[in-house]
Amino acid sequence: MKRDSKIVLSIVFGGLFFIIILILGISALIGSSNSTINMSPNGDTVAIIPLQGEIGYGSSVINGGSVITPETVQDAISKAEADSSVSSILLDVNSPGGSPVASEEIMEIIKDSKKPVVVWISDVGASGAYLAASSADKIVASPSSMVGSIGVIMELTDLSKYYQMNGINKYSIKAGQYKDMGADYRNLTTNEKNMLQGMVDQDYDHFITIVSDNRHLDKNYTSSIAEGKIYTGTQAKDLKLVDDTGGKTHALDIAAKLGGIKGSYNTVTISTTSGLLDLLNSLSSKIAYSIGLGIGNNLKNGTENNVNMPSIY
């Protein structure tokens, strides 16, 4: 009798367990049918990666501000790619530009992203920052933001008269006629000016070619709107330098749509803050950040900054 009772109880509890599982399954199906179905191949999250500051190498601070390095951008995008809940990436850009080589590296990192990338330009997306942004799937700019500055600048300082007035005899011992070209104790010769102008012109053409290719624009057209000019976000849209204007939420909506997310979505911020090693490196590292250096500095603090070593593009 006891054995029979155990069998009956097992059947009853087994049946109840099956009914509970069935009810839970039906409830889940009903709940999903009443809510927005996520059709994204990955997840329902947009990863936000802030890119705030000047673009350079190996330093976390320049002139009191942060620095965007290719390494930190690559690390952040790799984290977003590895996260199965993330369907797309929003780069929150506020940068006057910086090192030409670092800018191109970041551009390639964005271009190679396995997930859709949207750039949102908040205050400034100029020079090297715009070059890097040009490879994104979409660019959204705040209407009043400053965009563009497609141009090249090389800044040099001639302090020879200052040294003479103060009785300073500064000179160098060199091997090679042009080894001290750009030194601050003398002006450039005509030949040296022509040499450097040729380098600047070549890099300017390269800059225009990159933007033309990334934005699918005719090179002659890009050249006509470049010339180092800065545009508002609204003007940049009219000139096809950006795809749309709007705030961060609008840019997130576009990123979510590109990621295949239907309806509501989540966001996660992936920091690009450099570590202690980069901070220590900044004490002995000089960064060439002359893509749009003039406009970049004016936007930041209204002052002019001269770089001792000539830097281009």
Protein backbone atom coordinates (compact mmCIF):
# COMPACT_ATOMS: atom_id res chain seq x y z
CA MET A 1 0.00 0.00 0.00
CA LYS A 2 2.76 2.40 0.83
CA ARG A 3 4.48 1.58 -2.45
CA ASP A 4 1.31 2.29 -4.39
CA SER A 5 0.89 5.58 -2.55
CA LYS A 6 4.40 6.63 -3.51
CA ILE A 7 3.73 5.83 -7.15
CA VAL A 8 0.52 7.85 -7.11
CA LEU A 9 2.22 10.80 -5.43
CA SER A 10 5.06 10.68 -7.96
CA ILE A 11 2.59 10.76 -10.83
CA VAL A 12 0.65 13.65 -9.25
CA PHE A 13 3.74 15.77 -8.55
CA GLY A 14 5.23 14.94 -11.94
CA GLY A 15 2.02 16.05 -13.59
CA LEU A 16 1.91 19.27 -11.59
CA PHE A 17 5.52 20.04 -12.48
CA PHE A 18 4.78 19.51 -16.17
CA ILE A 19 1.72 21.77 -15.96
CA ILE A 20 3.74 24.52 -14.22
CA ILE A 21 6.45 24.39 -16.91
CA LEU A 22 3.78 24.49 -19.62
CA ILE A 23 2.07 27.51 -18.02
CA LEU A 24 5.39 29.37 -17.67
CA GLY A 25 6.21 28.66 -21.30
CA ILE A 26 2.83 29.92 -22.51
CA SER A 27 3.13 33.03 -20.33
CA ALA A 28 6.55 33.79 -21.79
CA LEU A 29 5.18 33.46 -25.31
CA ILE A 30 2.20 35.69 -24.50
CA GLY A 31 4.48 38.26 -22.83
CA SER A 32 6.80 38.36 -25.82
CA SER A 33 3.91 38.77 -28.21
CA ASN A 34 2.65 41.77 -26.21
CA SER A 35 6.07 43.46 -26.18
CA THR A 36 8.43 44.58 -28.91
CA ILE A 37 10.38 41.64 -30.30
CA ASN A 38 14.11 42.25 -30.58
CA MET A 39 15.17 41.27 -34.10
CA SER A 40 18.81 42.20 -33.55
CA PRO A 41 21.33 39.45 -34.41
CA ASN A 42 23.25 40.38 -31.25
CA GLY A 43 21.48 42.12 -28.38
CA ASP A 44 19.43 45.13 -27.43
CA THR A 45 22.26 47.43 -26.33
CA VAL A 46 24.12 50.34 -27.90
CA ALA A 47 27.66 50.82 -26.58
CA ILE A 48 28.64 54.46 -26.05
CA ILE A 49 32.36 55.21 -26.36
CA PRO A 50 33.36 58.79 -25.42
CA LEU A 51 36.17 60.30 -27.51
CA GLN A 52 36.89 63.55 -25.67
CA GLY A 53 40.10 65.54 -26.14
CA GLU A 54 43.02 65.72 -28.54
CA ILE A 55 44.23 62.76 -30.59
CA GLY A 56 47.76 61.51 -29.94
CA TYR A 57 50.02 58.74 -28.69
CA GLY A 58 51.19 57.52 -25.33
CA SER A 59 49.87 60.36 -23.16
CA SER A 60 46.73 60.75 -21.12
CA VAL A 61 47.08 64.51 -20.62
CA ILE A 62 48.13 67.34 -22.96
CA ASN A 63 47.72 70.99 -22.03
CA GLY A 64 45.53 69.96 -19.12
CA GLY A 65 43.16 67.90 -21.26
CA SER A 66 42.70 64.24 -22.05
CA VAL A 67 44.15 62.48 -25.09
CA ILE A 68 42.47 59.96 -27.38
CA THR A 69 44.91 57.23 -28.42
CA PRO A 70 44.46 54.46 -31.02
CA GLU A 71 45.14 51.90 -28.30
CA THR A 72 42.32 53.03 -26.04
CA VAL A 73 39.88 53.31 -28.97
CA GLN A 74 40.81 49.82 -30.18
CA ASP A 75 40.39 48.43 -26.68
CA ALA A 76 36.95 50.01 -26.24
CA ILE A 77 35.66 48.87 -29.65
CA SER A 78 37.02 45.36 -29.04
CA LYS A 79 35.08 45.21 -25.77
CA ALA A 80 31.91 46.26 -27.59
CA GLU A 81 32.50 43.65 -30.28
CA ALA A 82 33.05 40.92 -27.70
CA ASP A 83 29.83 41.78 -25.80
CA SER A 84 26.98 39.72 -27.25
CA SER A 85 24.42 42.13 -25.81
CA VAL A 86 25.82 45.00 -27.90
CA SER A 87 24.44 45.44 -31.42
CA SER A 88 26.02 48.76 -32.38
CA ILE A 89 28.43 51.46 -31.23
CA LEU A 90 28.03 55.21 -30.73
CA LEU A 91 31.23 57.26 -30.64
CA ASP A 92 30.58 60.41 -28.61
CA VAL A 93 33.09 62.79 -30.23
CA ASN A 94 34.26 66.14 -28.89
CA SER A 95 37.74 66.73 -30.30
CA PRO A 96 39.68 69.38 -32.25
CA GLY A 97 41.88 66.72 -33.86
CA GLY A 98 45.52 65.89 -33.28
CA SER A 99 48.27 63.63 -34.52
CA PRO A 100 47.78 62.78 -38.21
CA VAL A 101 49.05 59.24 -37.89
CA ALA A 102 47.01 58.51 -34.76
CA SER A 103 43.93 60.00 -36.44
CA GLU A 104 44.33 57.69 -39.43
CA GLU A 105 44.86 54.71 -37.14
CA ILE A 106 41.61 55.47 -35.32
CA MET A 107 39.88 55.91 -38.69
CA GLU A 108 40.98 52.41 -39.71
CA ILE A 109 39.87 50.96 -36.36
CA ILE A 110 36.40 52.46 -36.87
CA LYS A 111 36.27 51.22 -40.45
CA ASP A 112 37.22 47.67 -39.39
CA SER A 113 34.62 47.45 -36.62
CA LYS A 114 32.55 44.27 -36.82
CA LYS A 115 29.50 46.16 -35.54
CA PRO A 116 27.85 49.30 -36.95
CA VAL A 117 29.44 52.55 -35.78
CA VAL A 118 27.69 55.91 -35.55
CA VAL A 119 29.58 59.09 -34.65
CA TRP A 120 27.85 61.85 -32.73
CA ILE A 121 29.69 65.20 -32.76
CA SER A 122 28.69 67.21 -29.72
CA ASP A 123 30.73 70.46 -29.63
CA VAL A 124 33.66 69.89 -31.97
CA GLY A 125 34.58 67.29 -34.55
CA ALA A 126 37.38 68.95 -36.47
CA SER A 127 40.50 68.08 -38.41
CA GLY A 128 41.91 64.71 -37.33
CA ALA A 129 38.76 64.00 -35.34
CA TYR A 130 36.64 64.55 -38.43
CA LEU A 131 39.04 62.45 -40.51
CA ALA A 132 38.60 59.56 -38.06
CA ALA A 133 34.82 60.06 -37.95
CA SER A 134 34.51 60.06 -41.73
CA SER A 135 34.87 56.26 -41.81
CA ALA A 136 31.83 55.65 -39.57
CA ASP A 137 28.61 54.21 -40.98
CA LYS A 138 26.76 57.41 -40.07
CA ILE A 139 27.74 60.81 -38.68
CA VAL A 140 25.29 62.88 -36.64
CA ALA A 141 26.26 66.38 -35.51
CA SER A 142 24.65 68.77 -33.10
CA PRO A 143 23.23 71.66 -35.17
CA SER A 144 25.54 74.19 -33.47
CA SER A 145 28.62 71.99 -33.38
CA MET A 146 31.81 72.84 -35.25
CA VAL A 147 32.68 70.38 -37.99
CA GLY A 148 35.35 70.08 -40.66
CA SER A 149 38.62 72.04 -40.66
CA ILE A 150 39.86 69.83 -43.50
CA GLY A 151 43.31 71.32 -43.85
CA VAL A 152 46.95 71.06 -42.86
CA ILE A 153 49.04 73.35 -40.69
CA MET A 154 52.70 73.41 -39.74
CA GLU A 155 53.62 75.90 -37.04
CA LEU A 156 57.16 77.16 -36.47
CA THR A 157 58.57 79.86 -34.21
CA ASP A 158 61.39 82.25 -35.07
CA LEU A 159 62.82 83.63 -31.80
CA SER A 160 66.10 84.88 -33.24
CA LYS A 161 65.36 88.57 -32.53
CA TYR A 162 64.27 87.72 -28.99
CA TYR A 163 67.53 85.87 -28.37
CA GLN A 164 69.56 88.79 -29.78
CA MET A 165 67.71 91.35 -27.63
CA ASN A 166 68.41 89.31 -24.52
CA GLY A 167 72.02 88.55 -25.33
CA ILE A 168 71.38 84.87 -25.92
CA ASN A 169 73.63 83.22 -28.49
CA LYS A 170 71.83 80.02 -29.38
CA TYR A 171 73.27 77.82 -32.11
CA SER A 172 73.81 74.18 -33.04
CA ILE A 173 76.55 71.91 -34.32
CA LYS A 174 75.06 69.82 -37.10
CA ALA A 175 75.87 67.33 -39.82
CA GLY A 176 73.49 67.73 -42.72
CA GLN A 177 72.40 70.98 -44.31
CA TYR A 178 68.78 70.77 -43.23
CA LYS A 179 69.22 69.14 -39.82
CA ASP A 180 68.26 72.31 -37.93
CA MET A 181 65.41 73.25 -40.26
CA GLY A 182 62.66 74.75 -38.14
CA ALA A 183 64.94 75.61 -35.23
CA ASP A 184 63.66 78.62 -33.29
CA TYR A 185 66.98 80.50 -33.39
CA ARG A 186 66.73 81.29 -37.13
CA ASN A 187 64.15 81.72 -39.86
CA LEU A 188 63.67 79.28 -42.73
CA THR A 189 65.51 79.73 -45.99
CA THR A 190 63.47 80.01 -49.19
CA ASN A 191 64.47 76.48 -50.16
CA GLU A 192 63.40 75.14 -46.75
CA LYS A 193 60.04 76.90 -46.97
CA ASN A 194 59.46 75.34 -50.39
CA MET A 195 60.37 71.90 -49.06
CA LEU A 196 57.96 72.14 -46.13
CA GLN A 197 55.21 73.63 -48.28
CA GLY A 198 55.51 70.66 -50.62
CA MET A 199 55.07 68.28 -47.67
CA VAL A 200 52.05 70.21 -46.41
CA ASP A 201 50.47 70.26 -49.89
CA GLN A 202 50.97 66.52 -50.28
CA ASP A 203 49.40 65.77 -46.92
CA TYR A 204 46.51 68.12 -47.65
CA ASP A 205 45.78 66.21 -50.84
CA HIS A 206 45.92 62.96 -48.88
CA PHE A 207 43.47 64.33 -46.30
CA ILE A 208 41.03 65.34 -49.03
CA THR A 209 41.33 61.94 -50.72
CA ILE A 210 40.53 60.09 -47.49
CA VAL A 211 37.44 62.18 -46.77
CA SER A 212 36.27 61.85 -50.37
CA ASP A 213 36.59 58.07 -50.29
CA ASN A 214 34.99 57.64 -46.88
CA ARG A 215 32.09 60.01 -47.56
CA HIS A 216 31.65 58.93 -51.21
CA LEU A 217 32.20 62.47 -52.45
CA ASP A 218 33.84 63.75 -55.60
CA LYS A 219 37.40 64.82 -54.82
CA ASN A 220 37.02 68.16 -56.57
CA TYR A 221 33.89 68.83 -54.53
CA THR A 222 35.63 67.93 -51.27
CA SER A 223 38.53 70.19 -52.21
CA SER A 224 36.14 73.07 -52.82
CA ILE A 225 34.62 72.84 -49.33
CA ALA A 226 37.83 71.97 -47.47
CA GLU A 227 40.41 74.77 -47.23
CA GLY A 228 40.50 74.46 -43.44
CA LYS A 229 36.98 75.85 -43.13
CA ILE A 230 34.86 75.14 -40.07
CA TYR A 231 31.12 74.61 -40.47
CA THR A 232 28.20 74.31 -38.08
CA GLY A 233 26.54 70.92 -37.88
CA THR A 234 23.65 72.23 -39.97
CA GLN A 235 26.01 73.56 -42.65
CA ALA A 236 27.99 70.31 -42.59
CA LYS A 237 24.81 68.35 -43.30
CA ASP A 238 24.00 70.58 -46.28
CA LEU A 239 27.55 70.01 -47.55
CA LYS A 240 27.28 66.21 -47.05
CA LEU A 241 30.06 66.12 -44.46
CA VAL A 242 27.61 64.60 -41.97
CA ASP A 243 24.46 62.55 -42.50
CA ASP A 244 22.11 64.18 -40.03
CA THR A 245 21.83 66.69 -37.23
CA GLY A 246 20.43 66.18 -33.77
CA GLY A 247 21.22 65.40 -30.17
CA LYS A 248 22.72 62.34 -28.57
CA THR A 249 19.36 60.56 -28.26
CA HIS A 250 18.75 60.96 -31.98
CA ALA A 251 22.20 59.55 -32.71
CA LEU A 252 21.52 56.62 -30.37
CA ASP A 253 18.25 55.91 -32.18
CA ILE A 254 20.11 55.75 -35.48
CA ALA A 255 22.77 53.47 -33.98
CA ALA A 256 20.10 51.16 -32.56
CA LYS A 257 18.38 50.98 -35.95
CA LEU A 258 21.65 50.18 -37.71
CA GLY A 259 22.23 47.44 -35.15
CA GLY A 260 18.88 45.86 -36.00
CA ILE A 261 17.27 46.73 -32.67
CA LYS A 262 13.51 47.21 -32.90
CA GLY A 263 11.83 49.33 -30.26
CA SER A 264 13.46 50.17 -26.96
CA TYR A 265 17.13 49.58 -26.30
CA ASN A 266 19.68 49.73 -23.51
CA THR A 267 22.96 51.65 -23.43
CA VAL A 268 26.31 50.92 -21.84
CA THR A 269 29.29 53.29 -21.65
CA ILE A 270 32.76 51.92 -22.34
CA SER A 271 35.44 54.28 -21.07
CA THR A 272 38.60 55.13 -23.01
CA THR A 273 40.40 56.65 -20.02
CA SER A 274 44.13 55.98 -20.09
CA GLY A 275 45.90 54.34 -17.19
CA LEU A 276 48.75 55.38 -14.92
CA LEU A 277 51.44 54.32 -17.41
CA ASP A 278 50.11 56.75 -20.02
CA LEU A 279 50.02 59.50 -17.39
CA LEU A 280 53.69 58.90 -16.59
CA ASN A 281 54.58 58.81 -20.27
CA SER A 282 52.94 62.20 -20.75
CA LEU A 283 55.65 63.80 -18.62
CA SER A 284 58.29 63.11 -21.29
CA SER A 285 56.22 62.82 -24.46
CA LYS A 286 55.53 65.59 -26.98
CA ILE A 287 52.58 65.00 -29.25
CA ALA A 288 52.24 66.42 -32.75
CA TYR A 289 48.64 67.60 -32.91
CA SER A 290 48.61 70.05 -35.76
CA ILE A 291 45.65 68.89 -37.83
CA GLY A 292 43.56 71.96 -37.28
CA LEU A 293 45.73 73.07 -34.41
CA GLY A 294 44.82 76.71 -34.84
CA ILE A 295 41.06 76.20 -34.77
CA GLY A 296 41.39 73.51 -32.12
CA ASN A 297 43.21 75.77 -29.70
CA ASN A 298 40.94 78.70 -30.40
CA LEU A 299 37.92 76.57 -29.63
CA LYS A 300 39.48 75.34 -26.42
CA ASN A 301 40.98 78.39 -24.84
CA GLY A 302 41.30 81.18 -27.39
CA THR A 303 45.08 81.09 -27.36
CA GLU A 304 47.73 80.29 -29.93
CA ASN A 305 50.10 77.43 -29.25
CA ASN A 306 53.42 77.04 -31.05
CA VAL A 307 55.14 73.70 -31.32
CA ASN A 308 58.93 73.63 -31.22
CA MET A 309 59.29 70.73 -33.61
CA PRO A 310 57.53 71.20 -36.98
CA SER A 311 54.43 69.09 -37.22
CA ILE A 312 52.25 68.64 -40.24
CA TYR A 313 48.76 67.58 -41.30
